[in-house]
C-alpha atoms as a PDB file:
ATOM      1  CA  MET A   1     -16.136 -20.622  -7.364  1.00  0.00           C
ATOM      2  CA  LEU A   2     -18.381 -18.108  -9.098  1.00  0.00           C
ATOM      3  CA  THR A   3     -21.246 -20.913  -9.139  1.00  0.00           C
ATOM      4  CA  CYS A   4     -20.706 -21.270  -5.393  1.00  0.00           C
ATOM      5  CA  LEU A   5     -20.962 -17.629  -4.714  1.00  0.00           C
ATOM      6  CA  ALA A   6     -23.954 -17.298  -6.995  1.00  0.00           C
ATOM      7  CA  LEU A   7     -25.776 -20.045  -5.234  1.00  0.00           C
ATOM      8  CA  THR A   8     -25.111 -18.590  -1.913  1.00  0.00           C
ATOM      9  CA  TRP A   9     -25.733 -14.908  -2.498  1.00  0.00           C
ATOM     10  CA  LEU A  10     -28.440 -15.056  -5.227  1.00  0.00           C
ATOM     11  CA  ASN A  11     -30.365 -17.562  -3.329  1.00  0.00           C
ATOM     12  CA  PRO A  12     -33.603 -15.781  -2.006  1.00  0.00           C
ATOM     13  CA  HIS A  13     -33.876 -18.162   0.982  1.00  0.00           C
ATOM     14  CA  VAL A  14     -30.678 -16.525   2.380  1.00  0.00           C
ATOM     15  CA  TYR A  15     -32.608 -13.257   2.658  1.00  0.00           C
ATOM     16  CA  LEU A  16     -35.885 -14.597   3.476  1.00  0.00           C
ATOM     17  CA  ASP A  17     -34.478 -16.693   6.422  1.00  0.00           C
ATOM     18  CA  THR A  18     -31.740 -14.408   7.645  1.00  0.00           C
ATOM     19  CA  VAL A  19     -33.227 -10.986   7.065  1.00  0.00           C
ATOM     20  CA  PHE A  20     -36.847 -11.225   7.520  1.00  0.00           C
ATOM     21  CA  LEU A  21     -37.489 -14.374   9.624  1.00  0.00           C
ATOM     22  CA  LEU A  22     -34.554 -13.928  11.860  1.00  0.00           C
ATOM     23  CA  GLY A  23     -34.952 -10.216  12.052  1.00  0.00           C
ATOM     24  CA  SER A  24     -38.639 -10.483  12.845  1.00  0.00           C
ATOM     25  CA  VAL A  25     -38.183 -13.038  15.740  1.00  0.00           C
ATOM     26  CA  ALA A  26     -35.103 -11.054  17.156  1.00  0.00           C
ATOM     27  CA  ASN A  27     -37.259  -7.861  17.368  1.00  0.00           C
ATOM     28  CA  THR A  28     -39.584  -9.512  19.686  1.00  0.00           C
ATOM     29  CA  HIS A  29     -36.938  -9.948  22.122  1.00  0.00           C
ATOM     30  CA  GLY A  30     -36.660  -6.079  22.880  1.00  0.00           C
ATOM     31  CA  ASP A  31     -33.246  -5.075  24.210  1.00  0.00           C
ATOM     32  CA  GLY A  32     -31.992  -8.804  23.938  1.00  0.00           C
ATOM     33  CA  ARG A  33     -32.457  -8.801  20.092  1.00  0.00           C
ATOM     34  CA  TRP A  34     -28.553  -8.554  19.494  1.00  0.00           C
ATOM     35  CA  ALA A  35     -27.947 -11.345  21.969  1.00  0.00           C
ATOM     36  CA  PHE A  36     -30.676 -13.356  20.197  1.00  0.00           C
ATOM     37  CA  ALA A  37     -29.301 -12.748  16.594  1.00  0.00           C
ATOM     38  CA  LEU A  38     -25.756 -13.624  17.881  1.00  0.00           C
ATOM     39  CA  GLY A  39     -26.992 -16.896  19.492  1.00  0.00           C
ATOM     40  CA  ALA A  40     -28.892 -17.741  16.289  1.00  0.00           C
ATOM     41  CA  GLY A  41     -25.770 -17.108  14.246  1.00  0.00           C
ATOM     42  CA  LEU A  42     -23.571 -19.096  16.538  1.00  0.00           C
ATOM     43  CA  ALA A  43     -26.111 -22.088  16.524  1.00  0.00           C
ATOM     44  CA  SER A  44     -26.128 -21.932  12.684  1.00  0.00           C
ATOM     45  CA  ILE A  45     -22.290 -22.097  12.576  1.00  0.00           C
ATOM     46  CA  VAL A  46     -22.283 -25.011  15.141  1.00  0.00           C
ATOM     47  CA  TRP A  47     -25.022 -26.824  13.206  1.00  0.00           C
ATOM     48  CA  PHE A  48     -23.300 -26.637   9.733  1.00  0.00           C
ATOM     49  CA  PHE A  49     -19.896 -27.377  10.963  1.00  0.00           C
ATOM     50  CA  GLY A  50     -21.537 -30.430  12.952  1.00  0.00           C
ATOM     51  CA  LEU A  51     -23.107 -31.496   9.718  1.00  0.00           C
ATOM     52  CA  ALA A  52     -19.866 -31.357   7.924  1.00  0.00           C
ATOM     53  CA  TYR A  53     -17.783 -33.111  10.689  1.00  0.00           C
ATOM     54  CA  GLY A  54     -20.564 -35.749  11.138  1.00  0.00           C
ATOM     55  CA  ALA A  55     -20.468 -36.522   7.283  1.00  0.00           C
ATOM     56  CA  ARG A  56     -16.900 -36.919   7.523  1.00  0.00           C
ATOM     57  CA  LEU A  57     -17.125 -39.219  10.342  1.00  0.00           C
ATOM     58  CA  LEU A  58     -20.113 -41.250   9.116  1.00  0.00           C
ATOM     59  CA  GLY A  59     -18.837 -41.478   5.411  1.00  0.00           C
ATOM     60  CA  GLY A  60     -17.382 -44.956   5.931  1.00  0.00           C
ATOM     61  CA  VAL A  61     -20.405 -46.265   7.627  1.00  0.00           C
ATOM     62  CA  LEU A  62     -22.862 -44.910   5.146  1.00  0.00           C
ATOM     63  CA  GLY A  63     -20.970 -46.380   2.289  1.00  0.00           C
ATOM     64  CA  SER A  64     -22.958 -49.494   2.137  1.00  0.00           C
ATOM     65  CA  PRO A  65     -26.508 -49.885   0.703  1.00  0.00           C
ATOM     66  CA  ARG A  66     -27.571 -51.717   3.933  1.00  0.00           C
ATOM     67  CA  ALA A  67     -26.800 -48.709   6.140  1.00  0.00           C
ATOM     68  CA  TRP A  68     -28.847 -46.488   3.829  1.00  0.00           C
ATOM     69  CA  ARG A  69     -31.904 -48.947   4.053  1.00  0.00           C
ATOM     70  CA  VAL A  70     -31.460 -48.869   7.823  1.00  0.00           C
ATOM     71  CA  LEU A  71     -31.408 -44.995   7.845  1.00  0.00           C
ATOM     72  CA  ASP A  72     -34.374 -44.917   5.457  1.00  0.00           C
ATOM     73  CA  GLY A  73     -36.346 -47.285   7.819  1.00  0.00           C
ATOM     74  CA  VAL A  74     -35.525 -45.095  10.878  1.00  0.00           C
ATOM     75  CA  ILE A  75     -36.640 -41.956   8.987  1.00  0.00           C
ATOM     76  CA  ALA A  76     -39.855 -43.702   7.895  1.00  0.00           C
ATOM     77  CA  VAL A  77     -40.602 -44.574  11.486  1.00  0.00           C
ATOM     78  CA  VAL A  78     -40.059 -41.120  12.623  1.00  0.00           C
ATOM     79  CA  MET A  79     -42.231 -39.721   9.847  1.00  0.00           C
ATOM     80  CA  ILE A  80     -44.989 -41.991  10.587  1.00  0.00           C
ATOM     81  CA  ALA A  81     -44.899 -41.279  14.342  1.00  0.00           C
ATOM     82  CA  LEU A  82     -45.073 -37.551  13.648  1.00  0.00           C
ATOM     83  CA  GLY A  83     -47.913 -38.108  11.305  1.00  0.00           C
ATOM     84  CA  VAL A  84     -49.788 -40.168  13.780  1.00  0.00           C
ATOM     85  CA  SER A  85     -49.088 -37.594  16.529  1.00  0.00           C
ATOM     86  CA  LEU A  86     -50.549 -34.838  14.510  1.00  0.00           C
ATOM     87  CA  VAL A  87     -53.702 -36.898  13.606  1.00  0.00           C
ATOM     88  CA  LEU A  88     -54.420 -37.978  17.221  1.00  0.00           C
ATOM     89  CA  PRO A  89     -56.190 -35.774  19.680  1.00  0.00           C
ATOM     90  CA  HIS A  90     -54.089 -34.404  22.518  1.00  0.00           C
END
């Protein structure tokens, strides 16, 4: 439990992302900064619960080496497409 708490609260990314980055972007929204911060916090909660729930649902499917090869192939295609889109002129 202490290791979990230490990895969470002693992680500098928590403060860089939450306090500095989110705070800086929220400040650009003027009077809507609190609504922006609330929306960003809710989006984060939905994202992480979605990851956890999706991992539980896909646990059986991703139990085989073949599934991981397919997933790795899809990721490779996406990465190559992103790289090509960055190189080609718009």
